[in-house]
């Protein structure tokens, strides 16, 4: 929330301006396009993106890959971010508006249809996935879970307009013969993150939980609820889907990707618990001393992290790309979740036997 200035005579901050869609496209297409291509992963879709950046001037301004998922549903990626949109007889429904992808999004929609964008769905409140929403026409209906509206109200961000329609629990969005099921299944990556299911196309969109073929982003995707993050894998597998839109990287995912990452987080959790049980706190204290409790506890947590990370890397270094990059942060996050959320406190837990009077 912005701070209030008690001095009414003070100079007020100039209001932030909003670019319209044409100005944004003209000013940012080249810069964002080059950044997207430079960070694209080494994958066949990335090669297709590189090919799309040669030839006409139009293709140079549209560094994206558009994939038809069937029955009017399309997958879009710039190699770093993903979203999807549904073309119907009454307009286009867009799910998420990542700022670095929004220029490509408008171009991609114009590539396949003349229908206007009528609806925008927020998967969750994070700016990197919906921060391009202010560039949509004012007539577009923005749909989000009621908790998303609550979370957005904490920030003065004109790039993330408040939703015009909210719901609790689940909401079935039907537009022009197309359908999306918006399901709230409890907190995971964020308190408001949705499962967005297209039943006709057997497609599930779940953002910032699964990272197909790769290790999750740092600190288990900076998730705010690790128990919910793990459970989200199991919840996803209860949907009848073939294709996963995960929000990041250069390709859609599959059910196998969800199962693989569930296996990874389960293994990581077991290794973190084993570290808590096996690392001797007194040995760490003898090594670093007890004069400064922060130094002592930092060394202890580092030891837990190193133990869990090393054990997990033995299995996953060759199975998920980027495992070496973020494994330590994953281990540290899981250790803290086990201690604080799951109550596995090691030497700081309650005694096994407590005598009574």
Protein backbone atom coordinates (compact mmCIF):
# COMPACT_ATOMS: atom_id res chain seq x y z
CA UNK A 1 0.00 0.00 0.00
CA UNK A 2 1.32 3.50 -0.74
CA UNK A 3 2.42 5.51 2.27
CA UNK A 4 0.30 8.49 3.23
CA UNK A 5 2.04 11.86 3.26
CA UNK A 6 0.83 13.88 6.28
CA UNK A 7 2.07 17.13 4.69
CA UNK A 8 -0.78 18.18 2.42
CA UNK A 9 1.36 20.91 0.91
CA UNK A 10 3.98 18.44 -0.28
CA UNK A 11 4.32 17.82 -3.98
CA UNK A 12 2.29 14.80 -4.96
CA UNK A 13 3.79 12.05 -7.06
CA UNK A 14 2.83 12.33 -10.71
CA UNK A 15 0.30 9.63 -11.64
CA UNK A 16 1.63 6.72 -13.64
CA UNK A 17 0.47 6.67 -17.23
CA UNK A 18 -0.92 3.72 -19.14
CA UNK A 19 0.19 2.89 -22.66
CA UNK A 20 -2.49 1.78 -25.04
CA UNK A 21 -2.04 -1.48 -26.92
CA UNK A 22 -0.76 0.13 -30.12
CA UNK A 23 1.91 2.16 -28.27
CA UNK A 24 3.01 -0.87 -26.27
CA UNK A 25 3.33 -3.04 -29.36
CA UNK A 26 5.28 -0.38 -31.24
CA UNK A 27 7.67 0.33 -28.40
CA UNK A 28 8.36 -3.03 -26.86
CA UNK A 29 8.02 -5.76 -29.47
CA UNK A 30 11.65 -5.68 -30.52
CA UNK A 31 13.14 -5.57 -27.04
CA UNK A 32 10.88 -8.22 -25.52
CA UNK A 33 11.20 -10.39 -28.58
CA UNK A 34 14.98 -10.46 -28.48
CA UNK A 35 14.97 -11.15 -24.74
CA UNK A 36 12.52 -14.01 -25.19
CA UNK A 37 14.55 -15.60 -27.95
CA UNK A 38 17.81 -15.23 -26.09
CA UNK A 39 16.37 -17.01 -23.06
CA UNK A 40 14.52 -19.74 -24.94
CA UNK A 41 15.48 -23.23 -23.92
CA UNK A 42 17.26 -25.73 -26.13
CA UNK A 43 14.15 -27.52 -27.29
CA UNK A 44 12.48 -28.17 -30.68
CA UNK A 45 9.95 -25.43 -29.94
CA UNK A 46 12.83 -23.05 -29.33
CA UNK A 47 14.24 -23.96 -32.72
CA UNK A 48 10.88 -23.13 -34.24
CA UNK A 49 11.00 -19.77 -32.47
CA UNK A 50 14.43 -19.09 -33.90
CA UNK A 51 13.12 -19.88 -37.38
CA UNK A 52 10.17 -17.55 -36.84
CA UNK A 53 12.60 -14.69 -36.23
CA UNK A 54 13.90 -14.80 -39.77
CA UNK A 55 12.22 -13.59 -42.93
CA UNK A 56 9.60 -10.89 -42.90
CA UNK A 57 9.48 -7.85 -40.68
CA UNK A 58 6.20 -9.14 -39.25
CA UNK A 59 7.79 -12.40 -38.08
CA UNK A 60 10.64 -10.50 -36.43
CA UNK A 61 8.10 -8.72 -34.24
CA UNK A 62 6.36 -11.96 -33.26
CA UNK A 63 8.93 -14.21 -31.52
CA UNK A 64 6.49 -16.81 -30.31
CA UNK A 65 5.30 -20.33 -30.90
CA UNK A 66 1.56 -20.90 -31.28
CA UNK A 67 0.22 -24.44 -31.00
CA UNK A 68 -3.32 -25.51 -31.82
CA UNK A 69 -4.61 -27.73 -29.00
CA UNK A 70 -7.89 -28.44 -30.79
CA UNK A 71 -11.46 -27.14 -30.75
CA UNK A 72 -10.41 -23.49 -30.66
CA UNK A 73 -7.89 -23.76 -27.81
CA UNK A 74 -4.37 -22.45 -28.41
CA UNK A 75 -1.10 -22.68 -26.47
CA UNK A 76 1.33 -19.74 -26.70
CA UNK A 77 4.94 -19.46 -25.53
CA UNK A 78 7.94 -17.20 -25.99
CA UNK A 79 10.26 -19.80 -24.48
CA UNK A 80 10.04 -18.34 -20.99
CA UNK A 81 6.34 -17.73 -20.31
CA UNK A 82 3.21 -19.54 -21.46
CA UNK A 83 -0.51 -18.93 -21.58
CA UNK A 84 -3.51 -20.16 -23.54
CA UNK A 85 -6.59 -18.71 -25.21
CA UNK A 86 -9.90 -20.13 -26.37
CA UNK A 87 -11.52 -18.93 -29.61
CA UNK A 88 -15.32 -19.21 -29.52
CA UNK A 89 -18.27 -18.09 -31.65
CA UNK A 90 -18.80 -15.11 -29.34
CA UNK A 91 -15.24 -13.98 -28.68
CA UNK A 92 -11.85 -14.98 -27.33
CA UNK A 93 -11.19 -16.06 -23.76
CA UNK A 94 -7.59 -15.44 -22.65
CA UNK A 95 -6.05 -17.05 -19.59
CA UNK A 96 -3.30 -14.87 -18.08
CA UNK A 97 -1.46 -11.92 -19.56
CA UNK A 98 2.29 -12.21 -18.85
CA UNK A 99 3.89 -8.80 -19.58
CA UNK A 100 6.71 -10.35 -21.62
CA UNK A 101 4.24 -12.36 -23.71
CA UNK A 102 1.38 -9.93 -24.18
CA UNK A 103 2.74 -8.39 -27.40
CA UNK A 104 2.89 -11.85 -28.95
CA UNK A 105 -0.53 -12.71 -27.52
CA UNK A 106 -2.35 -9.98 -29.42
CA UNK A 107 -0.52 -10.89 -32.63
CA UNK A 108 -1.21 -14.61 -32.18
CA UNK A 109 -4.92 -14.06 -31.67
CA UNK A 110 -5.12 -11.92 -34.80
CA UNK A 111 -3.32 -14.73 -36.64
CA UNK A 112 -6.15 -17.22 -36.04
CA UNK A 113 -9.36 -15.21 -35.62
CA UNK A 114 -11.12 -11.89 -36.12
CA UNK A 115 -13.13 -12.38 -32.95
CA UNK A 116 -12.54 -9.77 -30.22
CA UNK A 117 -11.15 -10.64 -26.80
CA UNK A 118 -14.15 -10.74 -24.47
CA UNK A 119 -12.81 -12.41 -21.31
CA UNK A 120 -9.53 -12.52 -19.39
CA UNK A 121 -9.03 -15.10 -16.64
CA UNK A 122 -6.44 -14.58 -13.89
CA UNK A 123 -4.79 -17.82 -12.76
CA UNK A 124 -3.40 -16.04 -9.67
CA UNK A 125 -2.33 -12.60 -8.55
CA UNK A 126 1.41 -12.61 -9.39
CA UNK A 127 2.48 -9.74 -11.64
CA UNK A 128 4.70 -11.81 -13.92
CA UNK A 129 1.62 -13.71 -15.12
CA UNK A 130 -1.06 -11.03 -15.26
CA UNK A 131 0.92 -7.77 -15.36
CA UNK A 132 -0.06 -7.17 -19.00
CA UNK A 133 -3.77 -7.04 -18.16
CA UNK A 134 -4.00 -3.24 -18.31
CA UNK A 135 -3.38 -3.40 -22.07
CA UNK A 136 -6.69 -5.16 -22.70
CA UNK A 137 -9.73 -3.15 -23.75
CA UNK A 138 -11.88 -1.86 -20.91
CA UNK A 139 -14.84 -3.91 -22.21
CA UNK A 140 -13.02 -7.18 -21.50
CA UNK A 141 -14.49 -9.00 -18.52
CA UNK A 142 -11.77 -10.00 -16.05
CA UNK A 143 -12.59 -13.14 -14.08
CA UNK A 144 -10.73 -14.25 -10.95
CA UNK A 145 -11.19 -16.03 -7.67
CA UNK A 146 -12.36 -13.79 -4.84
CA UNK A 147 -9.06 -14.32 -3.04
CA UNK A 148 -7.21 -12.96 -6.07
CA UNK A 149 -9.22 -9.77 -5.79
CA UNK A 150 -8.39 -9.58 -2.10
CA UNK A 151 -4.67 -10.07 -2.70
CA UNK A 152 -4.58 -7.52 -5.54
CA UNK A 153 -6.26 -4.95 -3.29
CA UNK A 154 -3.06 -4.84 -1.23
CA UNK A 155 -1.10 -3.36 -4.14
CA UNK A 156 -1.44 -0.13 -6.07
CA UNK A 157 -0.65 -1.69 -9.43
CA UNK A 158 -2.45 -0.24 -12.47
CA UNK A 159 -1.00 -3.05 -14.58
CA UNK A 160 -3.16 -5.59 -12.73
CA UNK A 161 -6.72 -4.24 -12.83
CA UNK A 162 -9.17 -5.57 -10.31
CA UNK A 163 -11.36 -8.36 -11.65
CA UNK A 164 -14.83 -7.40 -12.80
CA UNK A 165 -16.25 -10.80 -11.85
CA UNK A 166 -15.18 -13.00 -8.94
CA UNK A 167 -16.26 -16.37 -7.63
CA UNK A 168 -15.79 -18.64 -4.64
CA UNK A 169 -14.98 -22.31 -5.04
CA UNK A 170 -15.42 -23.17 -8.72
CA UNK A 171 -16.86 -21.38 -11.74
CA UNK A 172 -17.89 -22.82 -15.09
CA UNK A 173 -17.13 -20.29 -17.83
CA UNK A 174 -19.15 -20.93 -20.99
CA UNK A 175 -18.70 -18.60 -23.95
CA UNK A 176 -19.91 -19.20 -27.50
CA UNK A 177 -19.86 -22.98 -27.26
CA UNK A 178 -16.48 -23.07 -25.48
CA UNK A 179 -15.98 -24.07 -21.87
CA UNK A 180 -13.39 -23.61 -19.16
CA UNK A 181 -13.74 -24.94 -15.61
CA UNK A 182 -12.09 -22.64 -13.07
CA UNK A 183 -11.44 -24.58 -9.87
CA UNK A 184 -10.09 -23.37 -6.55
CA UNK A 185 -8.57 -26.31 -4.66
CA UNK A 186 -6.90 -24.48 -1.79
CA UNK A 187 -3.53 -22.76 -1.48
CA UNK A 188 -0.45 -24.06 -3.31
CA UNK A 189 2.00 -21.80 -5.13
CA UNK A 190 -0.07 -18.86 -3.92
CA UNK A 191 -3.17 -18.73 -1.73
CA UNK A 192 -5.34 -18.16 -4.83
CA UNK A 193 -3.79 -20.28 -7.61
CA UNK A 194 -6.43 -21.94 -9.82
CA UNK A 195 -6.77 -25.19 -11.73
CA UNK A 196 -8.11 -24.20 -15.15
CA UNK A 197 -9.51 -27.13 -17.12
CA UNK A 198 -10.68 -27.31 -20.72
CA UNK A 199 -12.76 -30.52 -20.77
CA UNK A 200 -13.40 -30.61 -24.54
CA UNK A 201 -9.67 -30.49 -25.29
CA UNK A 202 -8.45 -32.46 -22.23
CA UNK A 203 -6.11 -29.60 -21.30
CA UNK A 204 -5.22 -28.49 -17.76
CA UNK A 205 -3.59 -25.15 -17.00
CA UNK A 206 -1.83 -25.02 -13.63
CA UNK A 207 0.71 -22.22 -13.33
CA UNK A 208 3.97 -22.19 -11.36
CA UNK A 209 3.67 -25.71 -10.00
CA UNK A 210 4.95 -28.10 -12.70
CA UNK A 211 8.02 -27.31 -14.82
CA UNK A 212 8.00 -29.92 -17.60
CA UNK A 213 11.40 -31.53 -18.05
CA UNK A 214 13.09 -29.10 -15.66
CA UNK A 215 13.69 -28.70 -11.96
CA UNK A 216 11.17 -26.27 -10.42
CA UNK A 217 12.10 -22.62 -10.23
CA UNK A 218 14.04 -21.47 -7.17
CA UNK A 219 12.77 -22.37 -3.68
CA UNK A 220 10.11 -24.76 -5.00
CA UNK A 221 8.81 -22.04 -7.30
CA UNK A 222 8.78 -19.56 -4.38
CA UNK A 223 5.59 -21.28 -3.28
CA UNK A 224 3.83 -19.88 -0.25
CA UNK A 225 2.41 -23.20 0.93
CA UNK A 226 4.68 -26.21 0.44
CA UNK A 227 2.15 -28.77 1.62
CA UNK A 228 -0.38 -27.34 -0.83
CA UNK A 229 2.30 -27.23 -3.54
CA UNK A 230 2.92 -30.97 -3.14
CA UNK A 231 -0.79 -31.77 -2.96
CA UNK A 232 -1.37 -29.79 -6.15
CA UNK A 233 0.53 -32.48 -8.08
CA UNK A 234 -1.85 -35.14 -6.80
CA UNK A 235 -4.88 -32.93 -7.47
CA UNK A 236 -3.72 -32.30 -11.04
CA UNK A 237 -3.55 -36.02 -11.73
CA UNK A 238 -7.21 -36.38 -10.78
CA UNK A 239 -8.14 -34.35 -13.86
CA UNK A 240 -8.65 -36.18 -17.14
CA UNK A 241 -6.07 -34.25 -19.15
CA UNK A 242 -3.46 -35.04 -21.78
CA UNK A 243 -1.80 -31.62 -22.15
CA UNK A 244 -0.57 -29.32 -19.37
CA UNK A 245 -0.09 -25.58 -19.72
CA UNK A 246 2.35 -24.83 -16.90
CA UNK A 247 3.02 -21.12 -17.31
CA UNK A 248 6.76 -21.37 -17.99
CA UNK A 249 9.30 -22.74 -20.45
CA UNK A 250 9.03 -23.62 -24.12
CA UNK A 251 6.66 -26.53 -24.35
CA UNK A 252 3.41 -27.84 -22.95
CA UNK A 253 3.61 -30.66 -20.44
CA UNK A 254 2.01 -34.07 -20.05
CA UNK A 255 0.66 -36.30 -17.28
CA UNK A 256 4.09 -37.95 -17.22
CA UNK A 257 5.67 -34.59 -16.36
CA UNK A 258 3.35 -34.22 -13.39
CA UNK A 259 4.12 -37.74 -12.15
CA UNK A 260 7.85 -37.15 -12.54
CA UNK A 261 7.82 -33.94 -10.56
CA UNK A 262 5.63 -35.50 -7.88
CA UNK A 263 8.25 -38.21 -7.57
CA UNK A 264 10.92 -35.52 -7.28
CA UNK A 265 9.23 -33.50 -4.52
CA UNK A 266 8.38 -36.70 -2.64
CA UNK A 267 12.03 -37.77 -2.80
CA UNK A 268 13.20 -34.32 -1.75
CA UNK A 269 10.82 -34.34 1.22
CA UNK A 270 12.08 -37.76 2.34
CA UNK A 271 15.70 -36.65 2.06
CA UNK A 272 15.04 -33.44 3.98
CA UNK A 273 13.35 -35.40 6.75
CA UNK A 274 16.30 -37.81 6.84
CA UNK A 275 18.65 -34.85 7.17
CA UNK A 276 16.72 -33.50 10.14
CA UNK A 277 16.88 -36.90 11.79
CA UNK A 278 20.56 -37.56 11.10
CA UNK A 279 22.45 -34.26 11.35
CA UNK A 280 23.77 -33.90 14.89
CA UNK A 281 23.09 -30.45 16.30
CA UNK A 282 25.64 -30.85 19.08
CA UNK A 283 28.37 -31.67 16.57
CA UNK A 284 27.58 -28.46 14.70
CA UNK A 285 27.67 -26.53 18.00
CA UNK A 286 31.09 -27.91 18.84
CA UNK A 287 32.37 -26.81 15.46
CA UNK A 288 31.06 -23.22 15.35
CA UNK A 289 30.57 -22.46 19.05
CA UNK A 290 27.53 -21.35 20.98
CA UNK A 291 28.28 -17.68 21.66
CA UNK A 292 26.13 -16.45 18.77
CA UNK A 293 22.86 -18.37 18.39
CA UNK A 294 22.28 -17.03 14.87
CA UNK A 295 25.68 -18.27 13.70
CA UNK A 296 25.00 -21.62 15.31
CA UNK A 297 21.54 -22.07 13.87
CA UNK A 298 22.63 -20.85 10.44
CA UNK A 299 25.35 -23.48 10.39
CA UNK A 300 22.88 -26.15 11.48
CA UNK A 301 20.37 -25.25 8.77
CA UNK A 302 23.17 -25.16 6.19
CA UNK A 303 24.15 -28.68 7.22
CA UNK A 304 20.57 -29.89 6.81
CA UNK A 305 20.34 -28.24 3.40
CA UNK A 306 23.63 -29.69 2.16
CA UNK A 307 22.67 -33.18 3.35
CA UNK A 308 19.24 -33.11 1.68
CA UNK A 309 20.48 -31.49 -1.53
CA UNK A 310 23.33 -33.95 -2.00
CA UNK A 311 21.09 -36.95 -1.44
CA UNK A 312 18.49 -35.66 -3.91
CA UNK A 313 21.04 -34.76 -6.58
CA UNK A 314 22.27 -38.34 -6.63
CA UNK A 315 18.96 -39.32 -8.21
CA UNK A 316 17.84 -36.22 -10.08
CA UNK A 317 20.93 -34.61 -11.60
CA UNK A 318 20.45 -36.62 -14.77
CA UNK A 319 16.64 -36.69 -14.85
CA UNK A 320 15.54 -33.06 -14.65
CA UNK A 321 17.35 -30.26 -16.41
CA UNK A 322 18.79 -27.53 -14.21
CA UNK A 323 18.84 -29.75 -11.12
CA UNK A 324 22.22 -28.44 -9.98
CA UNK A 325 21.11 -24.81 -10.23
CA UNK A 326 18.25 -24.70 -7.73
CA UNK A 327 18.63 -27.90 -5.71
CA UNK A 328 20.12 -26.18 -2.66
CA UNK A 329 17.26 -23.67 -2.57
CA UNK A 330 14.72 -26.50 -2.89
CA UNK A 331 16.34 -28.41 -0.04
CA UNK A 332 16.45 -25.33 2.17
CA UNK A 333 12.79 -24.57 1.46
CA UNK A 334 11.72 -28.15 2.14
CA UNK A 335 13.69 -28.32 5.39
CA UNK A 336 11.98 -25.18 6.67
CA UNK A 337 8.56 -26.45 5.57
CA UNK A 338 9.12 -29.72 7.43
CA UNK A 339 10.21 -27.90 10.57
CA UNK A 340 7.63 -25.12 10.63
CA UNK A 341 4.62 -26.55 8.80
CA UNK A 342 4.88 -30.31 9.33
CA UNK A 343 6.27 -30.08 12.87
CA UNK A 344 9.35 -32.25 12.21
CA UNK A 345 11.66 -30.32 14.52
CA UNK A 346 14.51 -32.73 15.12
CA UNK A 347 16.39 -31.83 18.31
CA UNK A 348 13.98 -28.97 18.97
CA UNK A 349 10.86 -31.12 19.10
CA UNK A 350 9.07 -32.37 22.22
CA UNK A 351 10.71 -35.17 24.19
CA UNK A 352 9.64 -38.66 23.22
CA UNK A 353 8.47 -39.44 26.75
CA UNK A 354 7.20 -36.91 29.25
CA UNK A 355 6.89 -38.04 32.86
CA UNK A 356 3.73 -37.20 34.81
CA UNK A 357 3.01 -36.61 38.43
